[in-house]
Amino acid sequence: MEKIMVKIANQEESLNFHEQPNGLKYLRQDYFQPESGFVDSPQSYLIKQLPNITNPTHFHVQNQFQVFIEGAGSFGPHTINPYIVHYAGAHTGYGPILAGPSGLNYLTLRAQHDPGAKFLPEKIDLLMRGPKHHYTSKQFLPSSPESMNNLGAAELNWDAQELDTGLGIGLLRMPNKASYPFTLGEHSDGVFLVVINGSIDADGQTLGVHKNIYVPAKDKRFEITTTNSYAEILVLQMPQKNATY
């Protein structure tokens, strides 16, 4: 199988404090450095939303996943805990996100670079008409070591799998010393893998909990392995951006 051109999250980068005029306060840690084709650069970063702070309703011009990894709070009508995944398509409003007393940490993942949040209703004039698409997953709970050690073979279970849009949200469970081959969907704009239990091996590195990688759409087939531990991995297949936008 050909070597995949993955991008692996660099979690040694520093956290930077941000404050918006609307009261939003958070720390941000970027994992991918922009590439030469800036718009085509994937994004992976951590947001640490400060306790009891609200991230108001807004939209972005690119498709994105958010993976809630630590803390608690609410997202629109949903109570949020680790590990819940939210998908929002380009020009789809969502929120507000309210951090609880201990704060709320989440990964933001995009296949294409986004210039920043457009808060509503202030930026309503920039919200393009067209299809709106969002999805909130069930809560994925990491399995016990006993359960994982008794796992006989790798298994992928989908919470969402939309063949017409390319959206996919699932959990891949792998025993130690196993491999799993992927085939990306026809409408996929790449896939993010987020480790939530154990570790995987990719590009000569061992990647533990909350490490994430991006596999671009051109790599239609790829494979991940475990050599030192079992693993549970969120599989987040990004849809292609709707042609309207």
Protein backbone atom coordinates (compact mmCIF):
# COMPACT_ATOMS: atom_id res chain seq x y z
CA MET A 1 0.00 0.00 0.00
CA GLU A 2 1.32 3.48 -0.88
CA LYS A 3 2.60 5.78 1.85
CA ILE A 4 -0.16 8.18 2.91
CA MET A 5 0.55 11.92 3.09
CA VAL A 6 -0.91 12.44 6.55
CA LYS A 7 -0.64 15.57 8.65
CA ILE A 8 -0.05 14.83 12.33
CA ALA A 9 -1.10 17.30 15.02
CA ASN A 10 1.91 19.03 16.62
CA GLN A 11 0.77 19.46 20.20
CA GLU A 12 3.96 21.19 21.33
CA GLU A 13 2.77 24.56 20.02
CA SER A 14 1.96 27.25 22.59
CA LEU A 15 -1.49 28.29 23.86
CA ASN A 16 -2.51 31.85 23.04
CA PHE A 17 -5.18 33.87 24.85
CA HIS A 18 -7.96 35.51 22.80
CA GLU A 19 -10.80 37.82 23.80
CA GLN A 20 -13.61 38.97 21.51
CA PRO A 21 -15.64 42.19 21.94
CA ASN A 22 -18.74 40.02 22.58
CA GLY A 23 -17.20 38.60 25.78
CA LEU A 24 -15.87 35.32 24.37
CA LYS A 25 -12.60 34.36 26.13
CA TYR A 26 -10.53 31.33 25.24
CA LEU A 27 -7.09 29.84 24.75
CA ARG A 28 -6.15 28.50 21.33
CA GLN A 29 -3.41 26.05 20.37
CA ASP A 30 -2.84 25.51 16.63
CA TYR A 31 -1.57 22.07 15.57
CA PHE A 32 -1.04 22.49 11.81
CA GLN A 33 1.07 25.20 10.20
CA PRO A 34 -0.47 26.81 7.07
CA GLU A 35 0.75 25.41 3.77
CA SER A 36 1.71 27.30 0.62
CA GLY A 37 -1.81 26.98 -0.79
CA PHE A 38 -3.31 28.77 2.21
CA VAL A 39 -7.01 28.17 1.46
CA ASP A 40 -6.30 24.47 0.86
CA SER A 41 -4.48 24.07 4.21
CA PRO A 42 -6.23 21.80 6.68
CA GLN A 43 -6.74 23.11 10.22
CA SER A 44 -6.51 21.34 13.57
CA TYR A 45 -6.51 23.31 16.79
CA LEU A 46 -7.54 23.13 20.43
CA ILE A 47 -9.93 25.64 22.01
CA LYS A 48 -10.00 25.98 25.80
CA GLN A 49 -13.14 28.00 26.43
CA LEU A 50 -12.92 29.59 29.86
CA PRO A 51 -15.39 28.67 32.66
CA ASN A 52 -18.94 30.05 32.36
CA ILE A 53 -18.07 31.87 29.10
CA THR A 54 -20.42 31.81 26.10
CA ASN A 55 -19.32 31.41 22.49
CA PRO A 56 -22.26 33.14 20.72
CA THR A 57 -24.11 31.74 17.71
CA HIS A 58 -21.98 32.07 14.56
CA PHE A 59 -21.02 30.41 11.29
CA HIS A 60 -17.93 29.68 9.21
CA VAL A 61 -17.30 29.63 5.48
CA GLN A 62 -15.78 26.12 5.59
CA ASN A 63 -17.04 22.73 6.73
CA GLN A 64 -15.82 21.68 10.17
CA PHE A 65 -15.88 19.15 12.99
CA GLN A 66 -15.70 20.00 16.67
CA VAL A 67 -14.74 17.23 19.11
CA PHE A 68 -15.47 17.98 22.75
CA ILE A 69 -12.67 16.38 24.77
CA GLU A 70 -12.66 17.84 28.31
CA GLY A 71 -14.99 19.72 30.64
CA ALA A 72 -18.72 20.15 30.19
CA GLY A 73 -21.31 22.66 29.03
CA SER A 74 -24.08 23.07 26.50
CA PHE A 75 -24.26 23.44 22.73
CA GLY A 76 -27.57 24.94 21.64
CA PRO A 77 -30.14 22.53 23.14
CA HIS A 78 -27.56 19.77 23.75
CA THR A 79 -25.70 18.99 26.97
CA ILE A 80 -22.04 18.51 26.08
CA ASN A 81 -19.54 16.08 27.60
CA PRO A 82 -16.55 14.16 26.20
CA TYR A 83 -16.65 12.69 23.58
CA ILE A 84 -19.43 14.30 21.53
CA VAL A 85 -18.79 15.39 17.94
CA HIS A 86 -20.53 18.25 16.14
CA TYR A 87 -20.41 18.81 12.40
CA ALA A 88 -21.36 22.12 10.80
CA GLY A 89 -21.31 22.72 7.07
CA ALA A 90 -20.17 25.96 5.48
CA HIS A 91 -22.58 28.88 6.04
CA THR A 92 -24.52 26.93 8.68
CA GLY A 93 -25.18 28.83 11.89
CA TYR A 94 -24.71 26.99 15.18
CA GLY A 95 -24.42 27.60 18.93
CA PRO A 96 -24.29 29.18 21.35
CA ILE A 97 -21.62 27.11 23.14
CA LEU A 98 -21.69 27.65 26.92
CA ALA A 99 -18.77 26.40 29.00
CA GLY A 100 -19.57 25.00 32.43
CA PRO A 101 -17.83 25.87 35.74
CA SER A 102 -14.76 23.81 34.81
CA GLY A 103 -14.50 25.18 31.26
CA LEU A 104 -14.91 23.34 27.97
CA ASN A 105 -12.14 22.09 25.70
CA TYR A 106 -12.68 21.05 22.09
CA LEU A 107 -10.80 20.31 18.89
CA THR A 108 -11.74 22.16 15.72
CA LEU A 109 -10.92 20.29 12.51
CA ARG A 110 -11.24 21.52 8.91
CA ALA A 111 -10.00 20.26 5.56
CA GLN A 112 -9.86 23.86 4.26
CA HIS A 113 -8.58 26.99 5.99
CA ASP A 114 -11.25 29.26 7.48
CA PRO A 115 -10.65 33.00 8.11
CA GLY A 116 -12.62 33.06 11.38
CA ALA A 117 -16.04 33.03 13.03
CA LYS A 118 -18.84 35.22 11.68
CA PHE A 119 -21.02 36.06 14.68
CA LEU A 120 -24.78 36.40 14.33
CA PRO A 121 -26.77 38.51 13.92
CA GLU A 122 -23.95 41.05 13.33
CA LYS A 123 -22.62 39.26 10.21
CA ILE A 124 -25.94 38.07 8.81
CA ASP A 125 -25.19 39.89 5.53
CA LEU A 126 -22.26 37.47 4.94
CA LEU A 127 -24.37 34.34 5.46
CA MET A 128 -24.94 32.93 1.98
CA ARG A 129 -28.22 31.31 0.99
CA GLY A 130 -27.98 27.61 0.32
CA PRO A 131 -28.15 24.15 1.95
CA LYS A 132 -27.52 24.09 5.71
CA HIS A 133 -25.99 20.99 7.26
CA HIS A 134 -25.20 20.11 10.84
CA TYR A 135 -25.09 16.97 12.96
CA THR A 136 -24.50 16.26 16.66
CA SER A 137 -23.31 12.76 17.47
CA LYS A 138 -24.04 10.54 20.42
CA GLN A 139 -21.51 10.52 23.26
CA PHE A 140 -18.61 8.16 22.57
CA LEU A 141 -17.39 6.61 25.84
CA PRO A 142 -13.92 5.01 25.91
CA SER A 143 -14.03 1.30 26.74
CA SER A 144 -12.40 -0.30 29.75
CA PRO A 145 -8.96 -1.94 29.40
CA GLU A 146 -10.61 -5.32 30.03
CA SER A 147 -13.07 -4.80 27.18
CA MET A 148 -10.34 -3.69 24.79
CA ASN A 149 -8.02 -6.55 25.74
CA ASN A 150 -10.83 -8.98 24.92
CA LEU A 151 -11.43 -7.45 21.48
CA GLY A 152 -10.68 -10.06 18.84
CA ALA A 153 -10.54 -7.92 15.68
CA ALA A 154 -10.81 -4.30 14.57
CA GLU A 155 -14.36 -2.98 14.17
CA LEU A 156 -15.73 0.31 12.85
CA ASN A 157 -19.21 1.40 13.90
CA TRP A 158 -20.80 4.48 12.32
CA ASP A 159 -22.98 6.96 14.20
CA ALA A 160 -23.52 8.91 10.96
CA GLN A 161 -22.74 7.80 7.41
CA GLU A 162 -24.24 9.95 4.65
CA LEU A 163 -23.29 8.53 1.28
CA ASP A 164 -24.79 11.48 -0.62
CA THR A 165 -22.84 14.19 1.27
CA GLY A 166 -19.72 12.29 2.35
CA LEU A 167 -20.28 12.93 6.07
CA GLY A 168 -19.07 10.14 8.31
CA ILE A 169 -18.73 9.99 12.12
CA GLY A 170 -17.75 6.68 13.63
CA LEU A 171 -15.68 4.89 16.25
CA LEU A 172 -12.94 2.46 15.23
CA ARG A 173 -11.94 -0.05 17.93
CA MET A 174 -8.66 -1.92 17.40
CA PRO A 175 -6.88 -4.57 19.48
CA ASN A 176 -3.12 -4.43 19.90
CA LYS A 177 -1.00 -5.51 16.91
CA ALA A 178 -3.75 -4.98 14.37
CA SER A 179 -4.29 -3.02 11.17
CA TYR A 180 -7.35 -1.49 9.54
CA PRO A 181 -7.63 -0.46 5.86
CA PHE A 182 -9.82 2.52 4.94
CA THR A 183 -11.45 3.52 1.68
CA LEU A 184 -12.63 7.14 1.57
CA GLY A 185 -16.13 7.83 0.28
CA GLU A 186 -16.79 9.34 -3.14
CA HIS A 187 -17.74 12.77 -1.74
CA SER A 188 -15.10 12.90 0.98
CA ASP A 189 -12.78 15.89 1.43
CA GLY A 190 -10.42 13.80 3.57
CA VAL A 191 -10.70 12.24 7.00
CA PHE A 192 -9.56 13.16 10.51
CA LEU A 193 -8.66 10.47 13.04
CA VAL A 194 -8.76 11.41 16.75
CA VAL A 195 -7.44 8.95 19.34
CA ILE A 196 -9.62 8.77 22.46
CA ASN A 197 -8.22 5.60 24.04
CA GLY A 198 -4.87 3.80 23.74
CA SER A 199 -2.55 4.66 20.84
CA ILE A 200 -2.00 4.14 17.11
CA ASP A 201 1.04 4.21 14.86
CA ALA A 202 1.30 6.55 11.89
CA ASP A 203 4.23 7.87 9.86
CA GLY A 204 6.74 6.36 12.28
CA GLN A 205 5.15 7.94 15.36
CA THR A 206 3.10 6.58 18.24
CA LEU A 207 0.05 8.78 18.76
CA GLY A 208 -1.78 8.75 22.10
CA VAL A 209 -5.02 10.23 23.44
CA HIS A 210 -6.21 13.43 21.72
CA LYS A 211 -3.55 13.18 19.05
CA ASN A 212 -5.13 13.59 15.64
CA ILE A 213 -4.16 13.21 12.02
CA TYR A 214 -5.60 14.33 8.71
CA VAL A 215 -5.58 12.18 5.59
CA PRO A 216 -6.33 14.18 2.41
CA ALA A 217 -8.97 13.13 -0.10
CA LYS A 218 -6.37 12.16 -2.71
CA ASP A 219 -5.36 9.23 -0.49
CA LYS A 220 -8.47 7.20 -1.28
CA ARG A 221 -7.07 4.15 0.50
CA PHE A 222 -4.96 4.10 3.64
CA GLU A 223 -4.21 1.93 6.63
CA ILE A 224 -3.52 2.49 10.32
CA THR A 225 -1.91 0.08 12.75
CA THR A 226 -1.47 -0.60 16.45
CA THR A 227 1.79 -2.09 17.72
CA ASN A 228 2.07 -1.03 21.37
CA SER A 229 -1.53 -0.80 22.59
CA TYR A 230 -5.18 -1.23 21.72
CA ALA A 231 -6.88 1.90 20.39
CA GLU A 232 -10.23 3.62 20.00
CA ILE A 233 -10.28 6.27 17.30
CA LEU A 234 -12.94 8.72 16.20
CA VAL A 235 -13.19 8.54 12.40
CA LEU A 236 -14.42 11.86 11.02
CA GLN A 237 -14.94 11.90 7.27
CA MET A 238 -15.26 15.45 6.00
CA PRO A 239 -17.83 16.17 3.26
CA GLN A 240 -16.81 18.17 0.25
CA LYS A 241 -17.93 21.79 0.44
CA ASN A 242 -21.34 22.25 -1.16
CA ALA A 243 -20.99 23.67 -4.68
CA THR A 244 -23.37 26.54 -3.76
CA TYR A 245 -20.59 28.07 -1.66
